[in-house]
């Protein structure tokens, strides 16, 4: 008999296909937006780790014709039939890419969504550390590109560095929630940080795993 995770995975995969989404993860963002009202009509949204495009589909429908969605991924994304989506290919750490984002957005963005994930090894501590680094890149981009009062959704894996990272996030936003969407598998340690009310970026750069470990040791 298949496990619960397999049954749920099949359900959400079928539901995503039924609704015309490219990935089951689109249902995660859809639930987040319905619960927390992250994206509104007319917003400029920056979607990091956008391939294969499921989150882009959700965002473009929510922002409407007045809004804009900028999809970024290091891999190529098959174009979508939406006039309000612009695709940029590149590394999210690249200063050249940051310039392209600012040029495309006309300055700053209202929302940043990040479903970026590393290539998983199956070793939790390694995967957690790599995921935290990607989440940190999304947070640094918020420091540079997010409007005051803006919102961010960041995927993270629960683990030893989570509390330190969450403190960094809370120093920048007036409201930070932890949320696990229904479409996330029970066996997965993935959660999303739902961040609202951007109050300004930290002056600190993303710290190394060793520096974060020192922070944890100090409590």
N, C-alpha and C. Protein backbone atom coordinates (compact mmCIF):
# COMPACT_ATOMS: atom_id res chain seq x y z
N UNK A 1 0.85 -1.19 0.00
CA UNK A 1 0.00 0.00 0.00
C UNK A 1 0.89 1.24 0.00
N UNK A 2 0.63 2.23 -0.87
CA UNK A 2 1.45 3.44 -0.88
C UNK A 2 1.28 4.24 0.39
N UNK A 3 2.35 4.94 0.78
CA UNK A 3 2.30 5.76 1.98
C UNK A 3 1.46 7.00 1.79
N UNK A 4 1.17 7.68 2.91
CA UNK A 4 0.35 8.88 2.87
C UNK A 4 0.97 9.95 1.98
N UNK A 5 2.30 10.09 2.09
CA UNK A 5 2.98 11.10 1.29
C UNK A 5 2.81 10.86 -0.19
N UNK A 6 2.87 9.58 -0.59
CA UNK A 6 2.70 9.24 -2.01
C UNK A 6 1.29 9.55 -2.48
N UNK A 7 0.29 9.19 -1.65
CA UNK A 7 -1.10 9.44 -2.00
C UNK A 7 -1.37 10.93 -2.14
N UNK A 8 -0.90 11.72 -1.15
CA UNK A 8 -1.10 13.16 -1.20
C UNK A 8 -0.36 13.77 -2.39
N UNK A 9 0.86 13.27 -2.64
CA UNK A 9 1.63 13.78 -3.77
C UNK A 9 0.90 13.58 -5.07
N UNK A 10 0.32 12.41 -5.24
CA UNK A 10 -0.44 12.13 -6.45
C UNK A 10 -1.65 13.07 -6.55
N UNK A 11 -2.32 13.31 -5.44
CA UNK A 11 -3.50 14.17 -5.44
C UNK A 11 -3.13 15.58 -5.87
N UNK A 12 -2.10 16.15 -5.26
CA UNK A 12 -1.73 17.53 -5.57
C UNK A 12 -1.15 17.65 -6.98
N UNK A 13 -0.47 16.61 -7.42
CA UNK A 13 0.03 16.61 -8.79
C UNK A 13 -1.14 16.64 -9.77
N UNK A 14 -2.13 15.79 -9.54
CA UNK A 14 -3.30 15.75 -10.42
C UNK A 14 -4.08 17.06 -10.36
N UNK A 15 -4.21 17.62 -9.16
CA UNK A 15 -4.97 18.86 -8.99
C UNK A 15 -4.27 20.01 -9.71
N UNK A 16 -2.94 20.06 -9.61
CA UNK A 16 -2.19 21.11 -10.30
C UNK A 16 -2.37 21.00 -11.81
N UNK A 17 -2.30 19.80 -12.32
CA UNK A 17 -2.49 19.59 -13.77
C UNK A 17 -3.91 19.96 -14.18
N UNK A 18 -4.86 19.62 -13.34
CA UNK A 18 -6.26 19.93 -13.62
C UNK A 18 -6.47 21.43 -13.72
N UNK A 19 -5.77 22.20 -12.89
CA UNK A 19 -5.92 23.65 -12.90
C UNK A 19 -5.00 24.34 -13.91
N UNK A 20 -4.22 23.54 -14.63
CA UNK A 20 -3.38 24.10 -15.68
C UNK A 20 -2.03 24.60 -15.24
N UNK A 21 -1.59 24.22 -14.03
CA UNK A 21 -0.30 24.68 -13.53
C UNK A 21 0.82 23.73 -13.95
N UNK A 22 2.00 24.28 -14.11
CA UNK A 22 3.15 23.49 -14.55
C UNK A 22 3.74 22.61 -13.45
N UNK A 23 3.45 22.94 -12.21
CA UNK A 23 4.02 22.17 -11.10
C UNK A 23 3.05 22.13 -9.94
N UNK A 24 3.17 21.07 -9.13
CA UNK A 24 2.31 20.95 -7.95
C UNK A 24 2.64 22.05 -6.93
N UNK A 25 3.87 22.58 -6.97
CA UNK A 25 4.25 23.63 -6.03
C UNK A 25 3.44 24.91 -6.23
N UNK A 26 2.82 25.06 -7.40
CA UNK A 26 1.97 26.22 -7.63
C UNK A 26 0.84 26.27 -6.59
N UNK A 27 0.37 25.10 -6.16
CA UNK A 27 -0.71 25.07 -5.18
C UNK A 27 -0.23 25.57 -3.82
N UNK A 28 1.07 25.45 -3.55
CA UNK A 28 1.62 25.97 -2.29
C UNK A 28 1.51 27.50 -2.28
N UNK A 29 1.98 28.12 -3.36
CA UNK A 29 1.91 29.58 -3.42
C UNK A 29 0.47 30.06 -3.44
N UNK A 30 -0.40 29.35 -4.13
CA UNK A 30 -1.81 29.73 -4.18
C UNK A 30 -2.41 29.74 -2.78
N UNK A 31 -2.12 28.71 -1.98
CA UNK A 31 -2.63 28.65 -0.61
C UNK A 31 -2.04 29.77 0.25
N UNK A 32 -0.74 30.02 0.08
CA UNK A 32 -0.09 31.10 0.83
C UNK A 32 -0.75 32.44 0.53
N UNK A 33 -0.99 32.70 -0.75
CA UNK A 33 -1.58 33.97 -1.15
C UNK A 33 -3.02 34.11 -0.67
N UNK A 34 -3.76 33.02 -0.68
CA UNK A 34 -5.13 33.06 -0.20
C UNK A 34 -5.19 33.31 1.30
N UNK A 35 -4.24 32.75 2.03
CA UNK A 35 -4.26 32.86 3.49
C UNK A 35 -3.67 34.18 3.98
N UNK A 36 -2.61 34.65 3.31
CA UNK A 36 -1.88 35.81 3.81
C UNK A 36 -1.98 37.05 2.91
N UNK A 37 -2.66 36.94 1.79
CA UNK A 37 -2.86 38.08 0.88
C UNK A 37 -1.51 38.72 0.49
N UNK A 38 -0.62 37.90 0.04
CA UNK A 38 0.73 38.36 -0.27
C UNK A 38 0.78 39.18 -1.55
N UNK A 39 0.08 38.74 -2.58
CA UNK A 39 0.14 39.40 -3.89
C UNK A 39 -1.21 40.01 -4.21
N UNK A 40 -1.18 41.27 -4.63
CA UNK A 40 -2.43 41.94 -5.00
C UNK A 40 -2.34 42.49 -6.42
N UNK A 41 -3.46 42.86 -6.93
CA UNK A 41 -3.55 43.37 -8.30
C UNK A 41 -2.65 44.61 -8.46
N UNK A 42 -1.89 44.62 -9.56
CA UNK A 42 -1.02 45.74 -9.85
C UNK A 42 0.38 45.64 -9.27
N UNK A 43 0.66 44.61 -8.48
CA UNK A 43 1.98 44.45 -7.87
C UNK A 43 3.05 44.11 -8.91
N UNK A 44 4.29 44.46 -8.56
CA UNK A 44 5.46 43.98 -9.29
C UNK A 44 6.07 42.88 -8.43
N UNK A 45 6.12 41.67 -8.98
CA UNK A 45 6.58 40.50 -8.23
C UNK A 45 7.87 39.96 -8.84
N UNK A 46 8.85 39.69 -7.99
CA UNK A 46 10.08 39.03 -8.40
C UNK A 46 10.04 37.60 -7.90
N UNK A 47 10.09 36.64 -8.82
CA UNK A 47 10.01 35.22 -8.48
C UNK A 47 11.38 34.58 -8.70
N UNK A 48 12.03 34.16 -7.60
CA UNK A 48 13.36 33.56 -7.66
C UNK A 48 13.25 32.04 -7.68
N UNK A 49 14.07 31.40 -8.52
CA UNK A 49 13.95 29.95 -8.68
C UNK A 49 12.66 29.61 -9.37
N UNK A 50 12.37 30.34 -10.44
CA UNK A 50 11.03 30.32 -11.05
C UNK A 50 10.72 29.09 -11.89
N UNK A 51 11.75 28.37 -12.36
CA UNK A 51 11.49 27.20 -13.20
C UNK A 51 10.76 26.12 -12.38
N UNK A 52 9.83 25.39 -12.99
CA UNK A 52 9.41 25.42 -14.40
C UNK A 52 8.34 26.47 -14.72
N UNK A 53 7.85 27.20 -13.71
CA UNK A 53 6.93 28.30 -14.00
C UNK A 53 5.60 28.26 -13.28
N UNK A 54 5.40 27.29 -12.38
CA UNK A 54 4.13 27.21 -11.67
C UNK A 54 3.83 28.43 -10.82
N UNK A 55 4.85 28.93 -10.10
CA UNK A 55 4.64 30.13 -9.28
C UNK A 55 4.41 31.36 -10.15
N UNK A 56 5.05 31.40 -11.31
CA UNK A 56 4.82 32.50 -12.25
C UNK A 56 3.36 32.55 -12.67
N UNK A 57 2.78 31.37 -12.93
CA UNK A 57 1.39 31.31 -13.36
C UNK A 57 0.46 31.86 -12.28
N UNK A 58 0.70 31.48 -11.03
CA UNK A 58 -0.12 31.97 -9.93
C UNK A 58 0.02 33.50 -9.81
N UNK A 59 1.25 33.97 -9.82
CA UNK A 59 1.50 35.40 -9.63
C UNK A 59 0.90 36.24 -10.74
N UNK A 60 1.04 35.79 -11.98
CA UNK A 60 0.55 36.61 -13.10
C UNK A 60 -0.97 36.75 -13.06
N UNK A 61 -1.64 35.72 -12.59
CA UNK A 61 -3.10 35.80 -12.48
C UNK A 61 -3.51 36.76 -11.36
N UNK A 62 -2.72 36.80 -10.30
CA UNK A 62 -3.07 37.65 -9.16
C UNK A 62 -2.77 39.12 -9.41
N UNK A 63 -1.67 39.42 -10.12
CA UNK A 63 -1.33 40.84 -10.35
C UNK A 63 -2.16 41.46 -11.45
N UNK A 64 -2.71 40.61 -12.34
CA UNK A 64 -3.53 41.13 -13.42
C UNK A 64 -2.73 41.88 -14.47
N UNK A 65 -3.42 42.46 -15.42
CA UNK A 65 -2.76 43.16 -16.52
C UNK A 65 -2.00 44.40 -16.07
N UNK A 66 -2.39 44.95 -14.93
CA UNK A 66 -1.72 46.16 -14.43
C UNK A 66 -0.38 45.84 -13.76
N UNK A 67 -0.18 44.58 -13.41
CA UNK A 67 1.02 44.19 -12.68
C UNK A 67 2.09 43.61 -13.57
N UNK A 68 3.19 43.18 -12.94
CA UNK A 68 4.32 42.61 -13.66
C UNK A 68 4.94 41.52 -12.81
N UNK A 69 5.32 40.42 -13.46
CA UNK A 69 6.01 39.32 -12.77
C UNK A 69 7.34 39.08 -13.47
N UNK A 70 8.42 39.13 -12.70
CA UNK A 70 9.76 38.90 -13.23
C UNK A 70 10.24 37.55 -12.71
N UNK A 71 10.43 36.61 -13.62
CA UNK A 71 10.86 35.27 -13.25
C UNK A 71 12.35 35.10 -13.47
N UNK A 72 13.05 34.63 -12.43
CA UNK A 72 14.50 34.46 -12.50
C UNK A 72 14.86 33.01 -12.18
N UNK A 73 15.71 32.43 -13.00
CA UNK A 73 16.23 31.10 -12.71
C UNK A 73 17.54 30.91 -13.44
N UNK A 74 18.40 30.08 -12.88
CA UNK A 74 19.67 29.78 -13.53
C UNK A 74 19.45 28.84 -14.71
N UNK A 75 18.31 28.15 -14.73
CA UNK A 75 17.93 27.28 -15.84
C UNK A 75 16.96 28.01 -16.75
N UNK A 76 16.88 27.55 -17.97
CA UNK A 76 15.95 28.16 -18.92
C UNK A 76 14.51 27.82 -18.56
N UNK A 77 13.62 28.78 -18.69
CA UNK A 77 12.20 28.59 -18.43
C UNK A 77 11.44 28.69 -19.75
N UNK A 78 10.63 27.71 -20.02
CA UNK A 78 9.81 27.77 -21.24
C UNK A 78 8.84 28.95 -21.12
N UNK A 79 8.81 29.82 -22.15
CA UNK A 79 7.94 31.00 -22.09
C UNK A 79 6.49 30.65 -21.81
N UNK A 80 5.82 31.55 -21.11
CA UNK A 80 4.40 31.39 -20.79
C UNK A 80 3.59 32.38 -21.61
N UNK A 81 2.36 32.03 -21.94
CA UNK A 81 1.52 32.93 -22.75
C UNK A 81 0.88 34.03 -21.91
N UNK A 82 1.71 34.79 -21.22
CA UNK A 82 1.22 35.88 -20.37
C UNK A 82 2.03 37.13 -20.70
N UNK A 83 1.35 38.21 -21.03
CA UNK A 83 2.03 39.44 -21.41
C UNK A 83 2.72 40.12 -20.24
N UNK A 84 2.29 39.79 -19.01
CA UNK A 84 2.84 40.48 -17.85
C UNK A 84 3.95 39.68 -17.15
N UNK A 85 4.57 38.74 -17.86
CA UNK A 85 5.70 37.97 -17.32
C UNK A 85 6.95 38.26 -18.14
N UNK A 86 8.04 38.58 -17.45
CA UNK A 86 9.34 38.75 -18.08
C UNK A 86 10.29 37.72 -17.47
N UNK A 87 10.98 36.96 -18.31
CA UNK A 87 11.89 35.92 -17.84
C UNK A 87 13.34 36.38 -17.96
N UNK A 88 14.09 36.21 -16.88
CA UNK A 88 15.52 36.55 -16.87
C UNK A 88 16.30 35.31 -16.42
N UNK A 89 17.29 34.95 -17.20
CA UNK A 89 18.09 33.78 -16.86
C UNK A 89 19.43 34.21 -16.27
N UNK A 90 19.77 33.66 -15.09
CA UNK A 90 21.04 34.00 -14.48
C UNK A 90 21.09 33.59 -13.03
N UNK A 91 22.26 33.77 -12.44
CA UNK A 91 22.49 33.46 -11.04
C UNK A 91 21.94 34.61 -10.19
N UNK A 92 21.15 34.28 -9.18
CA UNK A 92 20.51 35.30 -8.35
C UNK A 92 21.51 36.15 -7.58
N UNK A 93 22.79 35.73 -7.53
CA UNK A 93 23.82 36.52 -6.84
C UNK A 93 24.50 37.52 -7.77
N UNK A 94 24.21 37.45 -9.06
CA UNK A 94 24.94 38.24 -10.04
C UNK A 94 24.54 39.72 -10.02
N UNK A 95 25.50 40.63 -9.86
CA UNK A 95 25.19 42.06 -9.92
C UNK A 95 24.58 42.46 -11.26
N UNK A 96 25.01 41.81 -12.34
CA UNK A 96 24.45 42.11 -13.66
C UNK A 96 22.98 41.75 -13.71
N UNK A 97 22.63 40.62 -13.09
CA UNK A 97 21.23 40.23 -13.04
C UNK A 97 20.43 41.21 -12.20
N UNK A 98 21.00 41.68 -11.11
CA UNK A 98 20.31 42.65 -10.27
C UNK A 98 20.00 43.92 -11.07
N UNK A 99 20.94 44.34 -11.89
CA UNK A 99 20.72 45.52 -12.73
C UNK A 99 19.59 45.27 -13.73
N UNK A 100 19.56 44.06 -14.29
CA UNK A 100 18.49 43.72 -15.24
C UNK A 100 17.13 43.72 -14.56
N UNK A 101 17.08 43.23 -13.31
CA UNK A 101 15.82 43.23 -12.57
C UNK A 101 15.34 44.66 -12.33
N UNK A 102 16.26 45.52 -11.91
CA UNK A 102 15.88 46.91 -11.63
C UNK A 102 15.43 47.62 -12.90
N UNK A 103 16.11 47.33 -14.01
CA UNK A 103 15.72 47.94 -15.28
C UNK A 103 14.34 47.46 -15.71
N UNK A 104 14.08 46.18 -15.52
CA UNK A 104 12.79 45.60 -15.92
C UNK A 104 11.66 46.11 -15.03
N UNK A 105 11.92 46.21 -13.74
CA UNK A 105 10.88 46.61 -12.79
C UNK A 105 10.66 48.12 -12.76
N UNK A 106 11.63 48.86 -13.31
CA UNK A 106 11.55 50.31 -13.24
C UNK A 106 12.03 50.85 -11.92
N UNK A 107 12.71 50.03 -11.14
CA UNK A 107 13.23 50.47 -9.85
C UNK A 107 13.19 49.37 -8.83
N UNK A 108 12.09 49.32 -8.05
CA UNK A 108 11.98 48.34 -6.98
C UNK A 108 10.76 47.46 -7.20
N UNK A 109 10.61 46.42 -6.35
CA UNK A 109 9.50 45.48 -6.49
C UNK A 109 8.66 45.49 -5.21
N UNK A 110 7.42 45.02 -5.35
CA UNK A 110 6.50 44.98 -4.21
C UNK A 110 6.58 43.68 -3.44
N UNK A 111 6.87 42.59 -4.15
CA UNK A 111 6.86 41.25 -3.56
C UNK A 111 8.03 40.45 -4.12
N UNK A 112 8.68 39.67 -3.25
CA UNK A 112 9.67 38.70 -3.70
C UNK A 112 9.23 37.33 -3.22
N UNK A 113 9.16 36.38 -4.14
CA UNK A 113 8.86 34.98 -3.79
C UNK A 113 10.08 34.14 -4.14
N UNK A 114 10.45 33.26 -3.25
CA UNK A 114 11.62 32.40 -3.50
C UNK A 114 11.30 30.95 -3.18
N UNK A 115 11.26 30.15 -4.22
CA UNK A 115 11.13 28.70 -4.06
C UNK A 115 12.46 28.04 -4.47
N UNK A 116 13.55 28.83 -4.41
CA UNK A 116 14.85 28.29 -4.77
C UNK A 116 15.20 27.10 -3.89
N UNK A 117 15.83 26.10 -4.50
CA UNK A 117 16.24 24.91 -3.75
C UNK A 117 17.53 24.37 -4.36
N UNK A 118 18.40 23.80 -3.52
CA UNK A 118 19.63 23.22 -4.04
C UNK A 118 19.37 21.83 -4.61
N UNK A 119 20.37 21.24 -5.22
CA UNK A 119 20.29 19.83 -5.58
C UNK A 119 20.45 19.04 -4.29
N UNK A 120 19.41 18.32 -3.92
CA UNK A 120 19.42 17.65 -2.62
C UNK A 120 20.30 16.41 -2.62
N UNK A 121 21.03 16.24 -1.53
CA UNK A 121 21.93 15.09 -1.38
C UNK A 121 21.28 13.96 -0.60
N UNK A 122 20.22 14.28 0.14
CA UNK A 122 19.62 13.28 1.02
C UNK A 122 20.23 13.33 2.42
N UNK A 123 21.29 14.12 2.59
CA UNK A 123 21.89 14.32 3.92
C UNK A 123 21.30 15.62 4.48
N UNK A 124 20.50 15.51 5.51
CA UNK A 124 19.69 16.64 5.93
C UNK A 124 20.52 17.87 6.29
N UNK A 125 21.58 17.69 7.08
CA UNK A 125 22.35 18.85 7.51
C UNK A 125 22.97 19.58 6.32
N UNK A 126 23.43 18.83 5.32
CA UNK A 126 24.00 19.44 4.11
C UNK A 126 22.92 20.18 3.34
N UNK A 127 21.79 19.52 3.14
CA UNK A 127 20.70 20.14 2.38
C UNK A 127 20.15 21.36 3.10
N UNK A 128 20.04 21.27 4.42
CA UNK A 128 19.56 22.41 5.21
C UNK A 128 20.50 23.61 5.07
N UNK A 129 21.79 23.36 5.19
CA UNK A 129 22.76 24.45 5.07
C UNK A 129 22.71 25.11 3.71
N UNK A 130 22.60 24.32 2.65
CA UNK A 130 22.54 24.88 1.30
C UNK A 130 21.25 25.66 1.09
N UNK A 131 20.15 25.15 1.67
CA UNK A 131 18.88 25.85 1.53
C UNK A 131 18.90 27.19 2.26
N UNK A 132 19.53 27.23 3.43
CA UNK A 132 19.64 28.48 4.18
C UNK A 132 20.45 29.51 3.40
N UNK A 133 21.49 29.06 2.73
CA UNK A 133 22.29 29.99 1.93
C UNK A 133 21.46 30.59 0.79
N UNK A 134 20.65 29.76 0.14
CA UNK A 134 19.78 30.27 -0.92
C UNK A 134 18.73 31.23 -0.36
N UNK A 135 18.19 30.89 0.80
CA UNK A 135 17.23 31.79 1.45
C UNK A 135 17.90 33.12 1.79
N UNK A 136 19.18 33.05 2.18
CA UNK A 136 19.92 34.27 2.48
C UNK A 136 20.11 35.15 1.26
N UNK A 137 20.30 34.52 0.10
CA UNK A 137 20.41 35.29 -1.15
C UNK A 137 19.10 36.04 -1.42
N UNK A 138 17.98 35.36 -1.20
CA UNK A 138 16.68 36.02 -1.39
C UNK A 138 16.53 37.20 -0.43
N UNK A 139 17.01 37.04 0.79
CA UNK A 139 16.91 38.11 1.77
C UNK A 139 17.80 39.30 1.39
N UNK A 140 18.97 39.02 0.87
CA UNK A 140 19.85 40.10 0.42
C UNK A 140 19.23 40.87 -0.74
N UNK A 141 18.55 40.15 -1.63
CA UNK A 141 17.86 40.83 -2.73
C UNK A 141 16.74 41.71 -2.22
N UNK A 142 16.08 41.27 -1.16
CA UNK A 142 15.05 42.12 -0.55
C UNK A 142 15.68 43.42 -0.04
N UNK A 143 16.85 43.31 0.56
CA UNK A 143 17.54 44.51 1.04
C UNK A 143 17.78 45.51 -0.08
N UNK A 144 18.05 45.00 -1.28
CA UNK A 144 18.39 45.86 -2.41
C UNK A 144 17.18 46.32 -3.22
N UNK A 145 16.16 45.46 -3.34
CA UNK A 145 15.13 45.68 -4.35
C UNK A 145 13.71 45.85 -3.83
N UNK A 146 13.48 45.56 -2.55
CA UNK A 146 12.10 45.55 -2.05
C UNK A 146 11.67 46.93 -1.55
N UNK A 147 10.47 47.33 -1.93
CA UNK A 147 9.92 48.61 -1.48
C UNK A 147 9.62 48.55 0.02
N UNK A 148 9.68 49.68 0.72
CA UNK A 148 9.23 49.72 2.11
C UNK A 148 7.79 49.23 2.21
N UNK A 149 7.54 48.38 3.18
CA UNK A 149 6.21 47.79 3.33
C UNK A 149 6.01 46.55 2.50
N UNK A 150 7.02 46.16 1.70
CA UNK A 150 6.91 45.02 0.80
C UNK A 150 6.85 43.68 1.51
N UNK A 151 6.64 42.62 0.72
CA UNK A 151 6.41 41.28 1.26
C UNK A 151 7.35 40.28 0.59
N UNK A 152 7.70 39.24 1.35
CA UNK A 152 8.58 38.20 0.85
C UNK A 152 8.07 36.84 1.31
N UNK A 153 8.17 35.85 0.42
CA UNK A 153 7.91 34.45 0.76
C UNK A 153 9.18 33.68 0.45
N UNK A 154 9.75 33.01 1.47
CA UNK A 154 11.02 32.30 1.30
C UNK A 154 10.89 30.86 1.77
N UNK A 155 11.30 29.93 0.91
CA UNK A 155 11.33 28.52 1.32
C UNK A 155 12.59 28.24 2.13
N UNK A 156 12.43 27.53 3.25
CA UNK A 156 13.56 27.08 4.05
C UNK A 156 13.32 25.64 4.49
N UNK A 157 14.37 25.00 4.95
CA UNK A 157 14.25 23.69 5.59
C UNK A 157 14.52 23.86 7.07
N UNK A 158 13.72 23.24 7.91
CA UNK A 158 13.95 23.31 9.34
C UNK A 158 15.27 22.61 9.66
N UNK A 159 16.02 23.19 10.61
CA UNK A 159 17.29 22.62 10.98
C UNK A 159 18.03 23.53 11.94
N UNK A 160 19.30 23.25 12.15
CA UNK A 160 20.07 23.92 13.19
C UNK A 160 20.24 25.41 12.97
N UNK A 161 20.24 25.86 11.72
CA UNK A 161 20.46 27.28 11.43
C UNK A 161 19.15 28.07 11.26
N UNK A 162 18.04 27.39 11.44
CA UNK A 162 16.76 28.05 11.15
C UNK A 162 16.50 29.24 12.05
N UNK A 163 16.71 29.09 13.35
CA UNK A 163 16.38 30.17 14.28
C UNK A 163 17.22 31.42 14.04
N UNK A 164 18.50 31.21 13.73
CA UNK A 164 19.36 32.36 13.43
C UNK A 164 18.87 33.08 12.18
N UNK A 165 18.53 32.31 11.16
CA UNK A 165 18.05 32.92 9.93
C UNK A 165 16.73 33.66 10.17
N UNK A 166 15.86 33.06 10.93
CA UNK A 166 14.58 33.72 11.20
C UNK A 166 14.79 35.04 11.94
N UNK A 167 15.77 35.10 12.83
CA UNK A 167 16.05 36.36 13.52
C UNK A 167 16.51 37.43 12.53
N UNK A 168 17.31 37.03 11.55
CA UNK A 168 17.73 37.98 10.52
C UNK A 168 16.52 38.51 9.75
N UNK A 169 15.59 37.60 9.44
CA UNK A 169 14.39 38.00 8.72
C UNK A 169 13.54 38.95 9.57
N UNK A 170 13.37 38.62 10.84
CA UNK A 170 12.52 39.43 11.73
C UNK A 170 13.09 40.83 11.96
N UNK A 171 14.41 40.99 11.76
CA UNK A 171 14.99 42.32 11.90
C UNK A 171 14.62 43.23 10.75
N UNK A 172 14.05 42.68 9.70
CA UNK A 172 13.74 43.44 8.49
C UNK A 172 12.25 43.63 8.25
N UNK A 173 11.42 42.82 8.90
CA UNK A 173 9.98 42.85 8.64
C UNK A 173 9.19 43.00 9.93
N UNK A 174 8.05 43.66 9.83
CA UNK A 174 7.21 43.87 11.01
C UNK A 174 6.41 42.62 11.38
N UNK A 175 6.23 41.71 10.43
CA UNK A 175 5.45 40.50 10.70
C UNK A 175 6.06 39.32 9.94
N UNK A 176 6.42 38.26 10.66
CA UNK A 176 7.01 37.06 10.05
C UNK A 176 6.29 35.83 10.59
N UNK A 177 5.77 35.02 9.69
CA UNK A 177 5.06 33.79 10.07
C UNK A 177 5.74 32.59 9.45
N UNK A 178 5.62 31.44 10.11
CA UNK A 178 6.08 30.17 9.57
C UNK A 178 4.86 29.40 9.09
N UNK A 179 4.91 28.90 7.86
CA UNK A 179 3.73 28.24 7.30
C UNK A 179 4.15 27.04 6.46
N UNK A 180 3.44 25.94 6.67
CA UNK A 180 3.66 24.73 5.86
C UNK A 180 2.40 24.48 5.04
N UNK A 181 2.44 24.69 3.72
CA UNK A 181 1.25 24.50 2.89
C UNK A 181 0.76 23.06 2.88
N UNK A 182 -0.50 22.89 2.60
CA UNK A 182 -1.09 21.56 2.54
C UNK A 182 -0.42 20.68 1.49
N UNK A 183 0.06 21.29 0.40
CA UNK A 183 0.69 20.53 -0.68
C UNK A 183 2.11 20.09 -0.35
N UNK A 184 2.67 20.56 0.76
CA UNK A 184 3.99 20.08 1.20
C UNK A 184 3.82 18.70 1.82
N UNK A 185 4.72 17.81 1.51
CA UNK A 185 4.64 16.46 2.06
C UNK A 185 4.92 16.47 3.55
N UNK A 186 4.20 15.62 4.29
CA UNK A 186 4.40 15.53 5.74
C UNK A 186 5.84 15.18 6.08
N UNK A 187 6.47 14.38 5.24
CA UNK A 187 7.83 13.91 5.52
C UNK A 187 8.88 14.98 5.25
N UNK A 188 8.49 16.07 4.58
CA UNK A 188 9.44 17.13 4.23
C UNK A 188 9.61 18.11 5.38
N UNK A 189 10.84 18.58 5.56
CA UNK A 189 11.11 19.60 6.59
C UNK A 189 10.93 21.01 6.04
N UNK A 190 10.42 21.12 4.81
CA UNK A 190 10.27 22.44 4.21
C UNK A 190 9.14 23.22 4.86
N UNK A 191 9.40 24.49 5.08
CA UNK A 191 8.37 25.44 5.51
C UNK A 191 8.64 26.74 4.75
N UNK A 192 7.70 27.65 4.82
CA UNK A 192 7.87 28.95 4.17
C UNK A 192 7.78 30.05 5.23
N UNK A 193 8.69 31.00 5.11
CA UNK A 193 8.60 32.19 5.94
C UNK A 193 7.79 33.24 5.18
N UNK A 194 6.70 33.67 5.79
CA UNK A 194 5.81 34.66 5.19
C UNK A 194 6.12 35.99 5.86
N UNK A 195 6.70 36.90 5.11
CA UNK A 195 7.26 38.13 5.68
C UNK A 195 6.50 39.34 5.13
N UNK A 196 5.96 40.14 6.02
CA UNK A 196 5.19 41.32 5.60
C UNK A 196 5.66 42.56 6.33
N UNK A 197 5.53 43.70 5.65
CA UNK A 197 5.90 44.96 6.26
C UNK A 197 7.40 45.17 6.32
N UNK A 198 8.02 45.25 5.15
CA UNK A 198 9.47 45.46 5.08
C UNK A 198 9.84 46.81 5.69
N UNK A 199 10.77 46.78 6.63
CA UNK A 199 11.13 48.02 7.34
C UNK A 199 12.57 48.44 7.08
N UNK A 200 13.24 47.78 6.14
CA UNK A 200 14.59 48.18 5.79
C UNK A 200 15.58 47.06 5.96
N UNK A 201 16.61 47.11 5.12
CA UNK A 201 17.59 46.03 5.11
C UNK A 201 18.61 46.14 6.20
N UNK A 202 19.13 44.98 6.59
CA UNK A 202 20.24 44.92 7.54
C UNK A 202 21.51 45.35 6.86
N UNK A 203 22.43 45.90 7.60
CA UNK A 203 23.73 46.29 7.05
C UNK A 203 24.69 45.12 6.98
N UNK A 204 24.30 44.00 7.60
CA UNK A 204 25.18 42.84 7.62
C UNK A 204 25.00 42.04 6.33
N UNK A 205 26.11 41.52 5.81
CA UNK A 205 26.05 40.62 4.68
C UNK A 205 25.71 39.24 5.19
N UNK A 206 25.31 38.36 4.26
CA UNK A 206 24.99 36.99 4.62
C UNK A 206 26.21 36.34 5.25
N UNK A 207 26.04 35.78 6.45
CA UNK A 207 27.17 35.20 7.16
C UNK A 207 27.42 33.77 6.72
N UNK A 208 28.64 33.33 6.98
CA UNK A 208 29.02 31.97 6.63
C UNK A 208 28.38 31.00 7.61
N UNK A 209 28.32 29.69 7.27
CA UNK A 209 27.78 28.71 8.21
C UNK A 209 28.52 28.71 9.54
N UNK A 210 29.86 28.96 9.51
CA UNK A 210 30.63 28.97 10.75
C UNK A 210 30.21 30.14 11.64
N UNK A 211 29.96 31.31 11.03
CA UNK A 211 29.54 32.47 11.81
C UNK A 211 28.14 32.26 12.38
N UNK A 212 27.26 31.63 11.58
CA UNK A 212 25.93 31.35 12.09
C UNK A 212 25.98 30.36 13.24
N UNK A 213 26.91 29.40 13.16
CA UNK A 213 27.06 28.42 14.26
C UNK A 213 27.51 29.11 15.53
N UNK A 214 28.39 30.12 15.38
CA UNK A 214 28.82 30.89 16.54
C UNK A 214 27.65 31.62 17.17
N UNK A 215 26.77 32.16 16.32
CA UNK A 215 25.57 32.85 16.83
C UNK A 215 24.70 31.88 17.63
N UNK A 216 24.54 30.67 17.10
CA UNK A 216 23.71 29.68 17.78
C UNK A 216 24.31 29.32 19.12
N UNK A 217 25.64 29.20 19.17
CA UNK A 217 26.31 28.85 20.42
C UNK A 217 26.09 29.92 21.47
N UNK A 218 25.99 31.19 21.01
CA UNK A 218 25.75 32.28 21.95
C UNK A 218 24.30 32.41 22.35
N UNK A 219 23.42 31.65 21.60
CA UNK A 219 21.99 31.70 21.92
C UNK A 219 21.34 32.91 21.34
